Protein backbone atom coordinates (compact mmCIF):
# COMPACT_ATOMS: atom_id res chain seq x y z
CA MET A 1 -0.07 -0.13 0.03
CA LYS A 2 1.43 3.30 -0.92
CA LYS A 3 2.16 5.75 1.91
CA GLU A 4 0.43 9.08 1.76
CA ASP A 5 2.54 12.26 0.97
CA TYR A 6 3.31 14.34 4.26
CA ARG A 7 1.89 17.52 2.48
CA ILE A 8 -1.36 15.47 1.74
CA LYS A 9 -1.63 14.30 5.19
CA ILE A 10 -1.17 17.83 6.70
CA THR A 11 -3.75 19.23 4.27
CA LYS A 12 -6.21 16.51 5.13
CA LEU A 13 -5.68 17.24 8.85
CA MET A 14 -5.95 20.89 8.22
CA ILE A 15 -9.49 20.10 6.52
CA ARG A 16 -10.51 17.84 9.20
CA LYS A 17 -9.59 20.23 12.05
CA SER A 18 -11.63 23.07 10.12
CA TYR A 19 -14.42 20.72 9.68
CA ALA A 20 -14.57 19.94 13.38
CA GLU A 21 -14.51 23.68 14.33
CA LEU A 22 -17.12 24.47 11.82
CA LEU A 23 -19.37 21.54 12.94
CA LYS A 24 -19.04 22.98 16.64
CA GLU A 25 -19.72 26.49 15.36
CA LYS A 26 -22.68 25.79 12.97
CA GLY A 27 -24.32 22.83 14.62
CA ASP A 28 -26.84 21.50 12.31
CA LYS A 29 -26.48 24.19 9.41
CA LYS A 30 -25.03 23.07 6.19
CA ILE A 31 -21.36 23.23 5.95
CA THR A 32 -20.20 24.12 2.50
CA VAL A 33 -17.06 23.52 0.61
CA LYS A 34 -16.51 27.43 0.50
CA ASP A 35 -16.86 27.38 4.26
CA LEU A 36 -14.24 24.61 4.69
CA CYS A 37 -11.70 26.23 2.17
CA GLU A 38 -12.08 29.62 4.07
CA LYS A 39 -11.53 28.00 7.29
CA ALA A 40 -8.74 26.01 6.29
CA ASP A 41 -7.22 28.67 4.17
CA ILE A 42 -6.87 26.31 1.11
CA ASN A 43 -8.33 26.85 -2.42
CA ARG A 44 -11.12 25.05 -3.67
CA GLY A 45 -8.87 22.85 -6.23
CA THR A 46 -7.01 21.69 -3.12
CA PHE A 47 -10.50 20.26 -1.51
CA TYR A 48 -11.48 18.96 -4.52
CA SER A 49 -8.46 17.08 -5.16
CA HIS A 50 -9.14 15.06 -2.02
CA TYR A 51 -12.76 15.02 -1.72
CA LYS A 52 -15.84 14.99 -4.01
CA ASP A 53 -18.10 17.30 -1.73
CA VAL A 54 -18.56 17.60 2.08
CA ASP A 55 -20.63 14.58 2.12
CA ASP A 56 -17.62 12.64 0.63
CA LEU A 57 -15.34 14.10 3.34
CA GLN A 58 -17.99 12.99 5.91
CA ASN A 59 -17.94 9.33 4.59
CA GLN A 60 -14.18 9.10 4.42
CA LEU A 61 -13.80 10.21 8.00
CA VAL A 62 -16.31 7.59 9.04
CA ASN A 63 -14.30 5.09 7.04
CA GLN A 64 -11.07 6.18 8.65
CA PHE A 65 -12.55 6.07 12.20
CA THR A 66 -13.79 2.45 11.74
CA SER A 67 -10.57 1.57 10.18
CA LEU A 68 -8.51 2.90 13.17
CA LEU A 69 -10.93 1.24 15.75
CA GLU A 70 -10.50 -1.97 13.97
CA GLU A 71 -6.80 -1.59 13.80
CA THR A 72 -6.72 -0.79 17.50
CA PHE A 73 -8.99 -4.00 18.17
CA VAL A 74 -6.48 -6.06 16.26
CA GLU A 75 -3.58 -4.56 18.11
CA PHE A 76 -5.47 -4.91 21.55
CA LEU A 77 -6.27 -8.64 20.71
CA SER A 78 -2.66 -9.35 19.89
CA THR A 79 -1.56 -8.11 23.32
CA VAL A 80 -4.15 -9.89 25.57
CA ASP A 81 -4.71 -13.56 26.15
CA ILE A 82 -8.16 -14.09 24.64
CA GLU A 83 -8.71 -17.17 26.90
CA ASN A 84 -8.39 -14.83 30.03
CA LEU A 85 -9.93 -11.51 28.53
CA THR A 86 -12.17 -9.93 31.04
CA THR A 87 -15.25 -7.89 30.24
CA LYS A 88 -13.29 -4.77 31.94
CA ASP A 89 -10.25 -5.41 29.64
CA PHE A 90 -12.39 -5.24 26.58
CA ILE A 91 -14.19 -2.04 27.66
CA LYS A 92 -10.85 -0.35 28.52
CA GLY A 93 -9.44 -1.42 25.20
CA LEU A 94 -12.35 0.13 23.24
CA LEU A 95 -12.19 3.21 25.50
CA LYS A 96 -8.43 3.88 24.84
CA SER A 97 -9.26 3.39 21.07
CA ILE A 98 -11.95 6.13 21.31
CA TYR A 99 -9.95 8.39 23.28
CA THR A 100 -6.91 7.94 21.17
CA ASN A 101 -8.93 9.02 18.17
CA LYS A 102 -11.11 11.81 20.04
CA ASP A 103 -10.91 14.28 17.20
CA LEU A 104 -12.44 11.96 14.86
CA CYS A 105 -15.10 11.00 17.40
CA GLU A 106 -16.19 14.74 18.07
CA ILE A 107 -16.35 15.23 14.30
CA LEU A 108 -18.79 12.22 13.89
CA ILE A 109 -20.78 13.11 16.87
CA TYR A 110 -21.19 16.82 15.86
CA SER A 111 -22.02 15.82 12.25
CA GLY A 112 -24.93 13.79 13.45
CA ASN A 113 -23.51 10.51 12.26
CA ASN A 114 -24.20 8.73 15.38
CA GLN A 115 -26.75 5.97 14.36
CA SER A 116 -24.37 4.52 11.53
CA LEU A 117 -21.38 4.93 13.58
CA ILE A 118 -22.77 3.11 16.46
CA LYS A 119 -23.97 0.10 14.18
CA GLU A 120 -20.26 -0.08 12.78
CA ILE A 121 -18.63 -0.19 16.20
CA LEU A 122 -21.13 -2.62 17.68
CA ASP A 123 -20.95 -4.95 14.44
CA MET A 124 -17.10 -4.88 14.86
CA ALA A 125 -17.12 -5.71 18.46
CA LYS A 126 -19.76 -8.56 18.05
CA ASN A 127 -17.72 -11.30 16.71
CA LEU A 128 -15.20 -11.00 19.71
CA VAL A 129 -17.98 -10.71 22.26
CA ASN A 130 -19.75 -13.82 20.79
CA ASN A 131 -16.40 -15.70 20.94
CA PHE A 132 -15.85 -14.62 24.50
CA TYR A 133 -19.33 -15.14 25.88
CA THR A 134 -20.04 -18.54 24.01
CA LYS A 135 -17.09 -20.00 26.06
CA LEU A 136 -18.39 -18.54 29.35
CA PHE A 137 -22.16 -19.49 28.87
CA LYS A 138 -21.87 -22.77 27.05
CA ASP A 139 -25.50 -23.66 27.71
CA LYS A 140 -26.70 -20.31 25.80
CA SER A 141 -27.45 -20.18 22.12
CA ILE A 142 -25.82 -17.55 19.88
CA GLU A 143 -29.23 -15.84 19.56
CA GLU A 144 -29.60 -15.44 23.50
CA ILE A 145 -25.94 -13.95 23.66
CA ASN A 146 -26.66 -11.59 20.68
CA PHE A 147 -29.90 -10.51 22.26
CA TRP A 148 -28.06 -9.43 25.51
CA TYR A 149 -25.15 -7.91 23.74
CA ASN A 150 -27.40 -5.84 21.46
CA PHE A 151 -29.25 -4.54 24.47
CA VAL A 152 -26.19 -3.99 26.50
CA ALA A 153 -23.81 -2.85 24.01
CA GLY A 154 -26.38 -0.36 22.41
CA GLY A 155 -26.86 1.45 25.80
CA ALA A 156 -23.09 1.29 26.50
CA MET A 157 -22.38 3.21 23.06
CA PHE A 158 -24.95 5.95 24.03
CA VAL A 159 -23.19 6.46 27.27
CA ILE A 160 -19.84 6.43 25.47
CA PHE A 161 -20.96 9.00 23.19
CA GLU A 162 -22.05 11.10 26.01
CA TRP A 163 -18.60 10.62 27.44
CA ILE A 164 -17.15 12.01 24.43
CA ASN A 165 -19.80 14.80 24.06
CA THR A 166 -18.75 16.07 27.76
CA GLY A 167 -15.07 16.22 26.79
CA PHE A 168 -13.93 12.89 28.28
CA LYS A 169 -14.36 14.37 31.87
CA LYS A 170 -13.98 10.91 33.41
CA SER A 171 -10.73 9.03 33.37
CA ILE A 172 -10.60 5.66 31.17
CA ASP A 173 -10.11 3.94 34.32
CA GLU A 174 -13.06 5.45 36.32
CA PHE A 175 -15.50 5.12 33.15
CA SER A 176 -14.50 1.49 32.33
CA ASN A 177 -15.05 0.61 36.02
CA GLU A 178 -18.57 2.12 35.83
CA LEU A 179 -19.38 0.27 32.45
CA ASN A 180 -18.05 -2.92 33.76
CA GLU A 181 -20.19 -2.78 36.96
CA ILE A 182 -23.28 -1.93 34.99
CA ILE A 183 -22.42 -5.11 32.22
CA LEU A 184 -21.74 -7.49 34.93
CA SER A 185 -24.92 -6.81 36.71
CA THR A 186 -26.85 -7.57 33.28
CA ILE A 187 -24.84 -10.89 32.86
CA ASN A 188 -27.05 -12.36 35.40
CA THR A 189 -29.57 -12.62 32.99
CA LEU A 190 -27.55 -15.03 31.03
CA ASN A 191 -26.85 -16.98 34.18
CA LYS A 192 -30.37 -17.68 34.63
CA LYS A 193 -31.85 -20.95 33.83
CA GLU A 194 -35.10 -20.83 32.15
CA SER A 195 -38.33 -21.83 33.85
CA ASN A 196 -41.65 -22.09 32.65
């Protein structure tokens, strides 16, 4: 894979930073290429050499973020013993990767792309979680584990988005402890035997 030229990286970073600032300033108002070029102090030709339009910029940022998360997951999993992985380890790994890419997270939150981003993150983590919990709860079907996962992970992601939205006020350790306690309390539903 060809490495991106340093100047291109800097230009894209300036555009990304300008986009984040405009999203914070304008909120839901439509951001134009003209707005971005003025803010980033670049000409339109430079913008169009990297992106078709603002929607393309947005889509590329979503793809970049999900790729970064995926890489972080792979790196995280290569450093842990999957057989002895705890829920807290998993949560902490996820929070670290989000915090490491906080500028991208903020862009995606301010741009109102929460739903598709949440789905991408949940889908990415699902296989790992299924692998982990099917070993832990051998008497439960994959459907039962997925039901629990979708409920818990969906709620956790909205809480994580709130953590991002409030400027990461809680430390990763403090926040992962809180999330871990909530998730462990819901695991009891998987421990229960069905009774008619």
